[in-house]
Amino acid sequence: MTPDDPLSATFAALADPTRRAILGLLLEDDMAVTDVAEPFSMSLAAISKHLQVLAEAGLISQEKRGRVKWCKLEPDGLRAASVFMQGFGQFDPVDLDGFERFLQSELAEMTEDQPSLPEE
């Protein structure tokens, strides 16, 4: 990925479930790296790598406060991805249950409208 392709960096960062979970945690409030790592069963180094990917994609920022590194969600980081995805939202979702009911009623009407064959 290149710096001139931020959308790819965003989607690559979002592709990992651990990173998505981290973003969910940061929705609530800024957190210290150690607090971010707490719910996960992986090393602090592994969490730091995930945080680095999120930071490089512009989804979070990190700030050192004393000896503690804090992570903060950057809401504008998802703006381009959101605009991209909204482009696909122009189509109404397909109501499969409604479509099935429509087909059943149409088939029932077709069966009723067909003349019955004379019995032999």
PDB file of N, CA and C in Angstrom:
ATOM      1  N   MET A   1       0.825  -1.181   0.000  1.00  0.00           N
ATOM      2  CA  MET A   1       0.000   0.000   0.000  1.00  0.00           C
ATOM      3  C   MET A   1       0.865   1.238   0.000  1.00  0.00           C
ATOM      4  N   THR A   2       0.381   2.225  -0.648  1.00  0.00           N
ATOM      5  CA  THR A   2       1.136   3.464  -0.734  1.00  0.00           C
ATOM      6  C   THR A   2       0.382   4.578  -0.026  1.00  0.00           C
ATOM      7  N   PRO A   3       1.083   5.636   0.370  1.00  0.00           N
ATOM      8  CA  PRO A   3       0.416   6.743   1.050  1.00  0.00           C
ATOM      9  C   PRO A   3      -0.661   7.394   0.176  1.00  0.00           C
ATOM     10  N   ASP A   4      -0.543   7.257  -1.135  1.00  0.00           N
ATOM     11  CA  ASP A   4      -1.542   7.871  -2.009  1.00  0.00           C
ATOM     12  C   ASP A   4      -2.740   6.946  -2.219  1.00  0.00           C
ATOM     13  N   ASP A   5      -2.838   5.865  -1.471  1.00  0.00           N
ATOM     14  CA  ASP A   5      -3.977   4.957  -1.548  1.00  0.00           C
ATOM     15  C   ASP A   5      -4.523   4.697  -0.136  1.00  0.00           C
ATOM     16  N   PRO A   6      -5.046   5.746   0.509  1.00  0.00           N
ATOM     17  CA  PRO A   6      -5.498   5.584   1.894  1.00  0.00           C
ATOM     18  C   PRO A   6      -6.695   4.645   2.030  1.00  0.00           C
ATOM     19  N   LEU A   7      -7.524   4.552   1.008  1.00  0.00           N
ATOM     20  CA  LEU A   7      -8.688   3.676   1.084  1.00  0.00           C
ATOM     21  C   LEU A   7      -8.267   2.214   1.222  1.00  0.00           C
ATOM     22  N   SER A   8      -7.241   1.810   0.483  1.00  0.00           N
ATOM     23  CA  SER A   8      -6.736   0.438   0.600  1.00  0.00           C
ATOM     24  C   SER A   8      -6.151   0.188   1.987  1.00  0.00           C
ATOM     25  N   ALA A   9      -5.456   1.173   2.532  1.00  0.00           N
ATOM     26  CA  ALA A   9      -4.897   1.034   3.880  1.00  0.00           C
ATOM     27  C   ALA A   9      -6.015   0.888   4.908  1.00  0.00           C
ATOM     28  N   THR A  10      -7.089   1.642   4.728  1.00  0.00           N
ATOM     29  CA  THR A  10      -8.224   1.558   5.651  1.00  0.00           C
ATOM     30  C   THR A  10      -8.855   0.174   5.605  1.00  0.00           C
ATOM     31  N   PHE A  11      -9.148  -0.311   4.385  1.00  0.00           N
ATOM     32  CA  PHE A  11      -9.792  -1.623   4.276  1.00  0.00           C
ATOM     33  C   PHE A  11      -8.856  -2.750   4.727  1.00  0.00           C
ATOM     34  N   ALA A  12      -7.561  -2.613   4.481  1.00  0.00           N
ATOM     35  CA  ALA A  12      -6.613  -3.624   4.961  1.00  0.00           C
ATOM     36  C   ALA A  12      -6.598  -3.650   6.487  1.00  0.00           C
ATOM     37  N   ALA A  13      -6.659  -2.477   7.105  1.00  0.00           N
ATOM     38  CA  ALA A  13      -6.682  -2.408   8.567  1.00  0.00           C
ATOM     39  C   ALA A  13      -7.973  -3.004   9.112  1.00  0.00           C
ATOM     40  N   LEU A  14      -9.082  -2.770   8.439  1.00  0.00           N
ATOM     41  CA  LEU A  14     -10.375  -3.270   8.897  1.00  0.00           C
ATOM     42  C   LEU A  14     -10.566  -4.762   8.620  1.00  0.00           C
ATOM     43  N   ALA A  15      -9.720  -5.336   7.800  1.00  0.00           N
ATOM     44  CA  ALA A  15      -9.868  -6.747   7.427  1.00  0.00           C
ATOM     45  C   ALA A  15      -9.604  -7.687   8.595  1.00  0.00           C
ATOM     46  N   ASP A  16      -8.883  -7.235   9.589  1.00  0.00           N
ATOM     47  CA  ASP A  16      -8.523  -8.106  10.712  1.00  0.00           C
ATOM     48  C   ASP A  16      -9.527  -7.952  11.861  1.00  0.00           C
ATOM     49  N   PRO A  17     -10.078  -9.058  12.356  1.00  0.00           N
ATOM     50  CA  PRO A  17     -11.068  -8.964  13.432  1.00  0.00           C
ATOM     51  C   PRO A  17     -10.522  -8.373  14.734  1.00  0.00           C
ATOM     52  N   THR A  18      -9.255  -8.597  15.019  1.00  0.00           N
ATOM     53  CA  THR A  18      -8.674  -8.011  16.234  1.00  0.00           C
ATOM     54  C   THR A  18      -8.653  -6.498  16.123  1.00  0.00           C
ATOM     55  N   ARG A  19      -8.281  -5.986  14.961  1.00  0.00           N
ATOM     56  CA  ARG A  19      -8.241  -4.529  14.779  1.00  0.00           C
ATOM     57  C   ARG A  19      -9.646  -3.932  14.843  1.00  0.00           C
ATOM     58  N   ARG A  20     -10.635  -4.645  14.290  1.00  0.00           N
ATOM     59  CA  ARG A  20     -12.011  -4.149  14.390  1.00  0.00           C
ATOM     60  C   ARG A  20     -12.457  -4.118  15.848  1.00  0.00           C
ATOM     61  N   ALA A  21     -12.079  -5.136  16.612  1.00  0.00           N
ATOM     62  CA  ALA A  21     -12.426  -5.171  18.038  1.00  0.00           C
ATOM     63  C   ALA A  21     -11.759  -4.016  18.789  1.00  0.00           C
ATOM     64  N   ILE A  22     -10.522  -3.720  18.429  1.00  0.00           N
ATOM     65  CA  ILE A  22      -9.808  -2.600  19.060  1.00  0.00           C
ATOM     66  C   ILE A  22     -10.547  -1.298  18.775  1.00  0.00           C
ATOM     67  N   LEU A  23     -10.980  -1.101  17.543  1.00  0.00           N
ATOM     68  CA  LEU A  23     -11.730   0.110  17.212  1.00  0.00           C
ATOM     69  C   LEU A  23     -13.015   0.187  18.034  1.00  0.00           C
ATOM     70  N   GLY A  24     -13.656  -0.953  18.241  1.00  0.00           N
ATOM     71  CA  GLY A  24     -14.855  -0.987  19.070  1.00  0.00           C
ATOM     72  C   GLY A  24     -14.574  -0.550  20.498  1.00  0.00           C
ATOM     73  N   LEU A  25     -13.446  -0.973  21.038  1.00  0.00           N
ATOM     74  CA  LEU A  25     -13.061  -0.545  22.386  1.00  0.00           C
ATOM     75  C   LEU A  25     -12.837   0.959  22.445  1.00  0.00           C
ATOM     76  N   LEU A  26     -12.193   1.475  21.409  1.00  0.00           N
ATOM     77  CA  LEU A  26     -11.850   2.900  21.402  1.00  0.00           C
ATOM     78  C   LEU A  26     -13.044   3.797  21.104  1.00  0.00           C
ATOM     79  N   LEU A  27     -14.156   3.202  20.678  1.00  0.00           N
ATOM     80  CA  LEU A  27     -15.378   3.985  20.487  1.00  0.00           C
ATOM     81  C   LEU A  27     -15.840   4.581  21.806  1.00  0.00           C
ATOM     82  N   GLU A  28     -15.589   3.854  22.888  1.00  0.00           N
ATOM     83  CA  GLU A  28     -16.060   4.282  24.202  1.00  0.00           C
ATOM     84  C   GLU A  28     -15.222   5.418  24.776  1.00  0.00           C
ATOM     85  N   ASP A  29     -13.897   5.320  24.626  1.00  0.00           N
ATOM     86  CA  ASP A  29     -13.024   6.343  25.211  1.00  0.00           C
ATOM     87  C   ASP A  29     -11.588   6.088  24.786  1.00  0.00           C
ATOM     88  N   ASP A  30     -10.729   7.084  24.987  1.00  0.00           N
ATOM     89  CA  ASP A  30      -9.298   6.896  24.775  1.00  0.00           C
ATOM     90  C   ASP A  30      -8.819   5.850  25.776  1.00  0.00           C
ATOM     91  N   MET A  31      -7.809   5.075  25.363  1.00  0.00           N
ATOM     92  CA  MET A  31      -7.314   4.024  26.253  1.00  0.00           C
ATOM     93  C   MET A  31      -5.804   3.933  26.177  1.00  0.00           C
ATOM     94  N   ALA A  32      -5.220   3.534  27.298  1.00  0.00           N
ATOM     95  CA  ALA A  32      -3.795   3.231  27.319  1.00  0.00           C
ATOM     96  C   ALA A  32      -3.588   1.911  26.575  1.00  0.00           C
ATOM     97  N   VAL A  33      -2.429   1.761  25.953  1.00  0.00           N
ATOM     98  CA  VAL A  33      -2.130   0.554  25.186  1.00  0.00           C
ATOM     99  C   VAL A  33      -2.321  -0.696  26.047  1.00  0.00           C
ATOM    100  N   THR A  34      -1.899  -0.643  27.291  1.00  0.00           N
ATOM    101  CA  THR A  34      -2.044  -1.819  28.155  1.00  0.00           C
ATOM    102  C   THR A  34      -3.518  -2.161  28.395  1.00  0.00           C
ATOM    103  N   ASP A  35      -4.375  -1.143  28.461  1.00  0.00           N
ATOM    104  CA  ASP A  35      -5.810  -1.385  28.631  1.00  0.00           C
ATOM    105  C   ASP A  35      -6.429  -1.950  27.360  1.00  0.00           C
ATOM    106  N   VAL A  36      -5.941  -1.499  26.218  1.00  0.00           N
ATOM    107  CA  VAL A  36      -6.410  -2.033  24.935  1.00  0.00           C
ATOM    108  C   VAL A  36      -6.058  -3.518  24.859  1.00  0.00           C
ATOM    109  N   ALA A  37      -4.870  -3.864  25.305  1.00  0.00           N
ATOM    110  CA  ALA A  37      -4.381  -5.246  25.201  1.00  0.00           C
ATOM    111  C   ALA A  37      -5.081  -6.204  26.160  1.00  0.00           C
ATOM    112  N   GLU A  38      -5.617  -5.684  27.256  1.00  0.00           N
ATOM    113  CA  GLU A  38      -6.158  -6.537  28.324  1.00  0.00           C
ATOM    114  C   GLU A  38      -7.164  -7.601  27.870  1.00  0.00           C
ATOM    115  N   PRO A  39      -8.159  -7.265  27.034  1.00  0.00           N
ATOM    116  CA  PRO A  39      -9.146  -8.301  26.686  1.00  0.00           C
ATOM    117  C   PRO A  39      -8.657  -9.355  25.691  1.00  0.00           C
ATOM    118  N   PHE A  40      -7.492  -9.166  25.140  1.00  0.00           N
ATOM    119  CA  PHE A  40      -7.006 -10.073  24.103  1.00  0.00           C
ATOM    120  C   PHE A  40      -5.982 -11.055  24.659  1.00  0.00           C
ATOM    121  N   SER A  41      -6.021 -12.268  24.146  1.00  0.00           N
ATOM    122  CA  SER A  41      -5.051 -13.267  24.589  1.00  0.00           C
ATOM    123  C   SER A  41      -3.869 -13.287  23.625  1.00  0.00           C
ATOM    124  N   MET A  42      -3.161 -12.157  23.587  1.00  0.00           N
ATOM    125  CA  MET A  42      -1.947 -12.061  22.776  1.00  0.00           C
ATOM    126  C   MET A  42      -0.984 -11.120  23.471  1.00  0.00           C
ATOM    127  N   SER A  43       0.238 -11.137  23.019  1.00  0.00           N
ATOM    128  CA  SER A  43       1.269 -10.337  23.679  1.00  0.00           C
ATOM    129  C   SER A  43       1.049  -8.846  23.436  1.00  0.00           C
ATOM    130  N   LEU A  44       1.643  -8.060  24.292  1.00  0.00           N
ATOM    131  CA  LEU A  44       1.588  -6.608  24.142  1.00  0.00           C
ATOM    132  C   LEU A  44       2.254  -6.198  22.834  1.00  0.00           C
ATOM    133  N   ALA A  45       3.294  -6.906  22.431  1.00  0.00           N
ATOM    134  CA  ALA A  45       3.968  -6.610  21.156  1.00  0.00           C
ATOM    135  C   ALA A  45       3.024  -6.831  19.968  1.00  0.00           C
ATOM    136  N   ALA A  46       2.230  -7.901  20.026  1.00  0.00           N
ATOM    137  CA  ALA A  46       1.280  -8.179  18.943  1.00  0.00           C
ATOM    138  C   ALA A  46       0.214  -7.093  18.878  1.00  0.00           C
ATOM    139  N   ILE A  47      -0.299  -6.678  20.031  1.00  0.00           N
ATOM    140  CA  ILE A  47      -1.298  -5.597  20.068  1.00  0.00           C
ATOM    141  C   ILE A  47      -0.685  -4.310  19.526  1.00  0.00           C
ATOM    142  N   SER A  48       0.567  -4.055  19.894  1.00  0.00           N
ATOM    143  CA  SER A  48       1.241  -2.848  19.398  1.00  0.00           C
ATOM    144  C   SER A  48       1.341  -2.845  17.880  1.00  0.00           C
ATOM    145  N   LYS A  49       1.567  -4.013  17.287  1.00  0.00           N
ATOM    146  CA  LYS A  49       1.609  -4.101  15.823  1.00  0.00           C
ATOM    147  C   LYS A  49       0.242  -3.795  15.223  1.00  0.00           C
ATOM    148  N   HIS A  50      -0.817  -4.316  15.833  1.00  0.00           N
ATOM    149  CA  HIS A  50      -2.170  -4.012  15.359  1.00  0.00           C
ATOM    150  C   HIS A  50      -2.448  -2.513  15.469  1.00  0.00           C
ATOM    151  N   LEU A  51      -2.034  -1.921  16.582  1.00  0.00           N
ATOM    152  CA  LEU A  51      -2.240  -0.480  16.776  1.00  0.00           C
ATOM    153  C   LEU A  51      -1.463   0.326  15.742  1.00  0.00           C
ATOM    154  N   GLN A  52      -0.285  -0.131  15.390  1.00  0.00           N
ATOM    155  CA  GLN A  52       0.522   0.554  14.386  1.00  0.00           C
ATOM    156  C   GLN A  52      -0.180   0.543  13.023  1.00  0.00           C
ATOM    157  N   VAL A  53      -0.764  -0.592  12.655  1.00  0.00           N
ATOM    158  CA  VAL A  53      -1.501  -0.688  11.388  1.00  0.00           C
ATOM    159  C   VAL A  53      -2.676   0.283  11.395  1.00  0.00           C
ATOM    160  N   LEU A  54      -3.402   0.317  12.513  1.00  0.00           N
ATOM    161  CA  LEU A  54      -4.540   1.238  12.623  1.00  0.00           C
ATOM    162  C   LEU A  54      -4.093   2.696  12.544  1.00  0.00           C
ATOM    163  N   ALA A  55      -2.963   2.993  13.164  1.00  0.00           N
ATOM    164  CA  ALA A  55      -2.434   4.364  13.134  1.00  0.00           C
ATOM    165  C   ALA A  55      -1.974   4.742  11.725  1.00  0.00           C
ATOM    166  N   GLU A  56      -1.300   3.828  11.050  1.00  0.00           N
ATOM    167  CA  GLU A  56      -0.836   4.108   9.686  1.00  0.00           C
ATOM    168  C   GLU A  56      -2.000   4.312   8.719  1.00  0.00           C
ATOM    169  N   ALA A  57      -3.133   3.662   9.010  1.00  0.00           N
ATOM    170  CA  ALA A  57      -4.327   3.834   8.173  1.00  0.00           C
ATOM    171  C   ALA A  57      -5.096   5.101   8.550  1.00  0.00           C
ATOM    172  N   GLY A  58      -4.661   5.785   9.605  1.00  0.00           N
ATOM    173  CA  GLY A  58      -5.326   7.012  10.032  1.00  0.00           C
ATOM    174  C   GLY A  58      -6.597   6.770  10.836  1.00  0.00           C
ATOM    175  N   LEU A  59      -6.781   5.539  11.323  1.00  0.00           N
ATOM    176  CA  LEU A  59      -7.991   5.221  12.072  1.00  0.00           C
ATOM    177  C   LEU A  59      -7.873   5.544  13.557  1.00  0.00           C
ATOM    178  N   ILE A  60      -6.636   5.551  14.051  1.00  0.00           N
ATOM    179  CA  ILE A  60      -6.387   5.944  15.441  1.00  0.00           C
ATOM    180  C   ILE A  60      -5.168   6.847  15.475  1.00  0.00           C
ATOM    181  N   SER A  61      -5.017   7.547  16.582  1.00  0.00           N
ATOM    182  CA  SER A  61      -3.774   8.275  16.837  1.00  0.00           C
ATOM    183  C   SER A  61      -3.239   7.783  18.167  1.00  0.00           C
ATOM    184  N   GLN A  62      -1.944   7.919  18.346  1.00  0.00           N
ATOM    185  CA  GLN A  62      -1.306   7.518  19.588  1.00  0.00           C
ATOM    186  C   GLN A  62      -0.526   8.698  20.133  1.00  0.00           C
ATOM    187  N   GLU A  63      -0.599   8.851  21.446  1.00  0.00           N
ATOM    188  CA  GLU A  63       0.056   9.975  22.102  1.00  0.00           C
ATOM    189  C   GLU A  63       0.694   9.492  23.394  1.00  0.00           C
ATOM    190  N   LYS A  64       1.919   9.921  23.614  1.00  0.00           N
ATOM    191  CA  LYS A  64       2.618   9.556  24.847  1.00  0.00           C
ATOM    192  C   LYS A  64       2.285  10.597  25.914  1.00  0.00           C
ATOM    193  N   ARG A  65       1.766  10.132  27.035  1.00  0.00           N
ATOM    194  CA  ARG A  65       1.468  10.998  28.179  1.00  0.00           C
ATOM    195  C   ARG A  65       2.263  10.448  29.362  1.00  0.00           C
ATOM    196  N   GLY A  66       3.358  11.097  29.666  1.00  0.00           N
ATOM    197  CA  GLY A  66       4.260  10.576  30.688  1.00  0.00           C
ATOM    198  C   GLY A  66       4.889   9.296  30.166  1.00  0.00           C
ATOM    199  N   ARG A  67       4.748   8.225  30.911  1.00  0.00           N
ATOM    200  CA  ARG A  67       5.307   6.950  30.473  1.00  0.00           C
ATOM    201  C   ARG A  67       4.264   6.055  29.799  1.00  0.00           C
ATOM    202  N   VAL A  68       3.057   6.572  29.638  1.00  0.00           N
ATOM    203  CA  VAL A  68       1.954   5.771  29.104  1.00  0.00           C
ATOM    204  C   VAL A  68       1.604   6.240  27.696  1.00  0.00           C
ATOM    205  N   LYS A  69       1.446   5.273  26.794  1.00  0.00           N
ATOM    206  CA  LYS A  69       1.033   5.574  25.430  1.00  0.00           C
ATOM    207  C   LYS A  69      -0.480   5.391  25.339  1.00  0.00           C
ATOM    208  N   TRP A  70      -1.169   6.430  24.899  1.00  0.00           N
ATOM    209  CA  TRP A  70      -2.618   6.424  24.796  1.00  0.00           C
ATOM    210  C   TRP A  70      -3.049   6.319  23.339  1.00  0.00           C
ATOM    211  N   CYS A  71      -4.181   5.662  23.134  1.00  0.00           N
ATOM    212  CA  CYS A  71      -4.742   5.494  21.797  1.00  0.00           C
ATOM    213  C   CYS A  71      -6.086   6.209  21.739  1.00  0.00           C
ATOM    214  N   LYS A  72      -6.323   6.851  20.620  1.00  0.00           N
ATOM    215  CA  LYS A  72      -7.559   7.607  20.445  1.00  0.00           C
ATOM    216  C   LYS A  72      -8.124   7.302  19.058  1.00  0.00           C
ATOM    217  N   LEU A  73      -9.414   7.042  18.996  1.00  0.00           N
ATOM    218  CA  LEU A  73     -10.087   6.815  17.733  1.00  0.00           C
ATOM    219  C   LEU A  73     -10.104   8.111  16.933  1.00  0.00           C
ATOM    220  N   GLU A  74      -9.827   8.013  15.651  1.00  0.00           N
ATOM    221  CA  GLU A  74      -9.894   9.171  14.755  1.00  0.00           C
ATOM    222  C   GLU A  74     -11.092   8.971  13.825  1.00  0.00           C
ATOM    223  N   PRO A  75     -12.245   9.538  14.178  1.00  0.00           N
ATOM    224  CA  PRO A  75     -13.469   9.289  13.411  1.00  0.00           C
ATOM    225  C   PRO A  75     -13.363   9.668  11.937  1.00  0.00           C
ATOM    226  N   ASP A  76     -12.605  10.693  11.625  1.00  0.00           N
ATOM    227  CA  ASP A  76     -12.459  11.094  10.218  1.00  0.00           C
ATOM    228  C   ASP A  76     -11.701  10.063   9.403  1.00  0.00           C
ATOM    229  N   GLY A  77     -10.992   9.163  10.082  1.00  0.00           N
ATOM    230  CA  GLY A  77     -10.235   8.132   9.375  1.00  0.00           C
ATOM    231  C   GLY A  77     -11.123   7.180   8.586  1.00  0.00           C
ATOM    232  N   LEU A  78     -12.355   7.033   9.000  1.00  0.00           N
ATOM    233  CA  LEU A  78     -13.279   6.134   8.304  1.00  0.00           C
ATOM    234  C   LEU A  78     -14.136   6.853   7.262  1.00  0.00           C
ATOM    235  N   ARG A  79     -13.978   8.159   7.153  1.00  0.00           N
ATOM    236  CA  ARG A  79     -14.846   8.939   6.260  1.00  0.00           C
ATOM    237  C   ARG A  79     -14.776   8.455   4.810  1.00  0.00           C
ATOM    238  N   ALA A  80     -13.591   8.285   4.262  1.00  0.00           N
ATOM    239  CA  ALA A  80     -13.468   7.864   2.856  1.00  0.00           C
ATOM    240  C   ALA A  80     -14.064   6.473   2.639  1.00  0.00           C
ATOM    241  N   ALA A  81     -13.837   5.567   3.585  1.00  0.00           N
ATOM    242  CA  ALA A  81     -14.401   4.220   3.466  1.00  0.00           C
ATOM    243  C   ALA A  81     -15.921   4.275   3.549  1.00  0.00           C
ATOM    244  N   SER A  82     -16.435   5.131   4.414  1.00  0.00           N
ATOM    245  CA  SER A  82     -17.873   5.273   4.562  1.00  0.00           C
ATOM    246  C   SER A  82     -18.509   5.824   3.284  1.00  0.00           C
ATOM    247  N   VAL A  83     -17.884   6.827   2.698  1.00  0.00           N
ATOM    248  CA  VAL A  83     -18.390   7.403   1.444  1.00  0.00           C
ATOM    249  C   VAL A  83     -18.361   6.345   0.346  1.00  0.00           C
ATOM    250  N   PHE A  84     -17.284   5.583   0.292  1.00  0.00           N
ATOM    251  CA  PHE A  84     -17.170   4.514  -0.709  1.00  0.00           C
ATOM    252  C   PHE A  84     -18.296   3.503  -0.535  1.00  0.00           C
ATOM    253  N   MET A  85     -18.515   3.058   0.699  1.00  0.00           N
ATOM    254  CA  MET A  85     -19.532   2.044   0.966  1.00  0.00           C
ATOM    255  C   MET A  85     -20.945   2.577   0.731  1.00  0.00           C
ATOM    256  N   GLN A  86     -21.171   3.855   1.010  1.00  0.00           N
ATOM    257  CA  GLN A  86     -22.496   4.428   0.791  1.00  0.00           C
ATOM    258  C   GLN A  86     -22.873   4.410  -0.682  1.00  0.00           C
ATOM    259  N   GLY A  87     -21.875   4.400  -1.547  1.00  0.00           N
ATOM    260  CA  GLY A  87     -22.147   4.317  -2.981  1.00  0.00           C
ATOM    261  C   GLY A  87     -22.859   3.026  -3.344  1.00  0.00           C
ATOM    262  N   PHE A  88     -22.656   1.995  -2.544  1.00  0.00           N
ATOM    263  CA  PHE A  88     -23.324   0.732  -2.791  1.00  0.00           C
ATOM    264  C   PHE A  88     -24.693   0.682  -2.127  1.00  0.00           C
ATOM    265  N   GLY A  89     -24.978   1.662  -1.300  1.00  0.00           N
ATOM    266  CA  GLY A  89     -26.251   1.695  -0.605  1.00  0.00           C
ATOM    267  C   GLY A  89     -27.363   2.307  -1.421  1.00  0.00           C
ATOM    268  N   GLN A  90     -27.097   2.652  -2.672  1.00  0.00           N
ATOM    269  CA  GLN A  90     -28.124   3.281  -3.488  1.00  0.00           C
ATOM    270  C   GLN A  90     -29.201   2.296  -3.915  1.00  0.00           C
ATOM    271  N   PHE A  91     -28.932   1.030  -3.751  1.00  0.00           N
ATOM    272  CA  PHE A  91     -29.897   0.012  -4.121  1.00  0.00           C
ATOM    273  C   PHE A  91     -30.656  -0.425  -2.875  1.00  0.00           C
ATOM    274  N   ASP A  92     -31.960  -0.579  -3.013  1.00  0.00           N
ATOM    275  CA  ASP A  92     -32.751  -1.063  -1.888  1.00  0.00           C
ATOM    276  C   ASP A  92     -32.370  -2.513  -1.608  1.00  0.00           C
ATOM    277  N   PRO A  93     -32.311  -2.874  -0.346  1.00  0.00           N
ATOM    278  CA  PRO A  93     -32.020  -4.275  -0.038  1.00  0.00           C
ATOM    279  C   PRO A  93     -33.162  -5.156  -0.547  1.00  0.00           C
ATOM    280  N   VAL A  94     -32.813  -6.325  -0.963  1.00  0.00           N
ATOM    281  CA  VAL A  94     -33.804  -7.250  -1.490  1.00  0.00           C
ATOM    282  C   VAL A  94     -34.540  -7.904  -0.318  1.00  0.00           C
ATOM    283  N   ASP A  95     -35.857  -7.813  -0.353  1.00  0.00           N
ATOM    284  CA  ASP A  95     -36.693  -8.451   0.653  1.00  0.00           C
ATOM    285  C   ASP A  95     -37.043  -9.841   0.149  1.00  0.00           C
ATOM    286  N   LEU A  96     -36.220 -10.818   0.510  1.00  0.00           N
ATOM    287  CA  LEU A  96     -36.403 -12.173  -0.008  1.00  0.00           C
ATOM    288  C   LEU A  96     -37.713 -12.797   0.454  1.00  0.00           C
ATOM    289  N   ASP A  97     -38.124 -12.510   1.687  1.00  0.00           N
ATOM    290  CA  ASP A  97     -39.393 -13.059   2.171  1.00  0.00           C
ATOM    291  C   ASP A  97     -40.555 -12.491   1.361  1.00  0.00           C
ATOM    292  N   GLY A  98     -40.519 -11.189   1.117  1.00  0.00           N
ATOM    293  CA  GLY A  98     -41.565 -10.559   0.315  1.00  0.00           C
ATOM    294  C   GLY A  98     -41.568 -11.080  -1.110  1.00  0.00           C
ATOM    295  N   PHE A  99     -40.386 -11.299  -1.660  1.00  0.00           N
ATOM    296  CA  PHE A  99     -40.277 -11.827  -3.022  1.00  0.00           C
ATOM    297  C   PHE A  99     -40.859 -13.236  -3.094  1.00  0.00           C
ATOM    298  N   GLU A 100     -40.588 -14.035  -2.061  1.00  0.00           N
ATOM    299  CA  GLU A 100     -41.122 -15.397  -2.022  1.00  0.00           C
ATOM    300  C   GLU A 100     -42.652 -15.371  -1.949  1.00  0.00           C
ATOM    301  N   ARG A 101     -43.210 -14.474  -1.117  1.00  0.00           N
ATOM    302  CA  ARG A 101     -44.671 -14.356  -1.028  1.00  0.00           C
ATOM    303  C   ARG A 101     -45.260 -13.937  -2.375  1.00  0.00           C
ATOM    304  N   PHE A 102     -44.607 -13.006  -3.054  1.00  0.00           N
ATOM    305  CA  PHE A 102     -45.060 -12.559  -4.370  1.00  0.00           C
ATOM    306  C   PHE A 102     -45.072 -13.724  -5.354  1.00  0.00           C
ATOM    307  N   LEU A 103     -43.993 -14.485  -5.386  1.00  0.00           N
ATOM    308  CA  LEU A 103     -43.922 -15.620  -6.314  1.00  0.00           C
ATOM    309  C   LEU A 103     -45.001 -16.654  -6.011  1.00  0.00           C
ATOM    310  N   GLN A 104     -45.240 -16.924  -4.742  1.00  0.00           N
ATOM    311  CA  GLN A 104     -46.271 -17.895  -4.374  1.00  0.00           C
ATOM    312  C   GLN A 104     -47.647 -17.423  -4.823  1.00  0.00           C
ATOM    313  N   SER A 105     -47.930 -16.135  -4.634  1.00  0.00           N
ATOM    314  CA  SER A 105     -49.243 -15.635  -5.045  1.00  0.00           C
ATOM    315  C   SER A 105     -49.372 -15.646  -6.565  1.00  0.00           C
ATOM    316  N   GLU A 106     -48.301 -15.317  -7.269  1.00  0.00           N
ATOM    317  CA  GLU A 106     -48.341 -15.346  -8.734  1.00  0.00           C
ATOM    318  C   GLU A 106     -48.536 -16.767  -9.250  1.00  0.00           C
ATOM    319  N   LEU A 107     -47.837 -17.711  -8.656  1.00  0.00           N
ATOM    320  CA  LEU A 107     -47.986 -19.110  -9.079  1.00  0.00           C
ATOM    321  C   LEU A 107     -49.389 -19.623  -8.772  1.00  0.00           C
ATOM    322  N   ALA A 108     -49.942 -19.206  -7.636  1.00  0.00           N
ATOM    323  CA  ALA A 108     -51.298 -19.630  -7.280  1.00  0.00           C
ATOM    324  C   ALA A 108     -52.299 -19.080  -8.286  1.00  0.00           C
ATOM    325  N   GLU A 109     -52.126 -17.813  -8.659  1.00  0.00           N
ATOM    326  CA  GLU A 109     -53.027 -17.204  -9.644  1.00  0.00           C
ATOM    327  C   GLU A 109     -52.896 -17.891 -10.994  1.00  0.00           C
ATOM    328  N   MET A 110     -51.686 -18.215 -11.386  1.00  0.00           N
ATOM    329  CA  MET A 110     -51.478 -18.881 -12.678  1.00  0.00           C
ATOM    330  C   MET A 110     -52.160 -20.251 -12.678  1.00  0.00           C
ATOM    331  N   THR A 111     -52.100 -20.949 -11.570  1.00  0.00           N
ATOM    332  CA  THR A 111     -52.703 -22.273 -11.482  1.00  0.00           C
ATOM    333  C   THR A 111     -54.221 -22.159 -11.531  1.00  0.00           C
ATOM    334  N   GLU A 112     -54.771 -21.139 -10.892  1.00  0.00           N
ATOM    335  CA  GLU A 112     -56.217 -20.935 -10.894  1.00  0.00           C
ATOM    336  C   GLU A 112     -56.718 -20.535 -12.281  1.00  0.00           C
ATOM    337  N   ASP A 113     -55.932 -19.749 -13.021  1.00  0.00           N
ATOM    338  CA  ASP A 113     -56.338 -19.234 -14.326  1.00  0.00           C
ATOM    339  C   ASP A 113     -56.236 -20.270 -15.432  1.00  0.00           C
ATOM    340  N   GLN A 114     -55.479 -21.315 -15.233  1.00  0.00           N
ATOM    341  CA  GLN A 114     -55.311 -22.327 -16.291  1.00  0.00           C
ATOM    342  C   GLN A 114     -56.550 -23.204 -16.337  1.00  0.00           C
ATOM    343  N   PRO A 115     -57.038 -23.424 -17.566  1.00  0.00           N
ATOM    344  CA  PRO A 115     -58.193 -24.323 -17.669  1.00  0.00           C
ATOM    345  C   PRO A 115     -57.767 -25.740 -17.328  1.00  0.00           C
ATOM    346  N   SER A 116     -58.642 -26.415 -16.673  1.00  0.00           N
ATOM    347  CA  SER A 116     -58.329 -27.800 -16.309  1.00  0.00           C
ATOM    348  C   SER A 116     -58.523 -28.699 -17.516  1.00  0.00           C
ATOM    349  N   LEU A 117     -57.725 -29.708 -17.589  1.00  0.00           N
ATOM    350  CA  LEU A 117     -57.806 -30.659 -18.693  1.00  0.00           C
ATOM    351  C   LEU A 117     -58.986 -31.592 -18.453  1.00  0.00           C
ATOM    352  N   PRO A 118     -59.690 -31.903 -19.518  1.00  0.00           N
ATOM    353  CA  PRO A 118     -60.818 -32.819 -19.333  1.00  0.00           C
ATOM    354  C   PRO A 118     -60.298 -34.190 -18.871  1.00  0.00           C
ATOM    355  N   GLU A 119     -61.057 -34.752 -17.979  1.00  0.00           N
ATOM    356  CA  GLU A 119     -60.672 -36.070 -17.472  1.00  0.00           C
ATOM    357  C   GLU A 119     -61.098 -37.133 -18.461  1.00  0.00           C
ATOM    358  N   GLU A 120     -60.355 -38.146 -18.585  1.00  0.00           N
ATOM    359  CA  GLU A 120     -60.692 -39.218 -19.520  1.00  0.00           C
ATOM    360  C   GLU A 120     -61.360 -40.348 -18.849  1.00  0.00           C
TER     361      GLU A 120
END
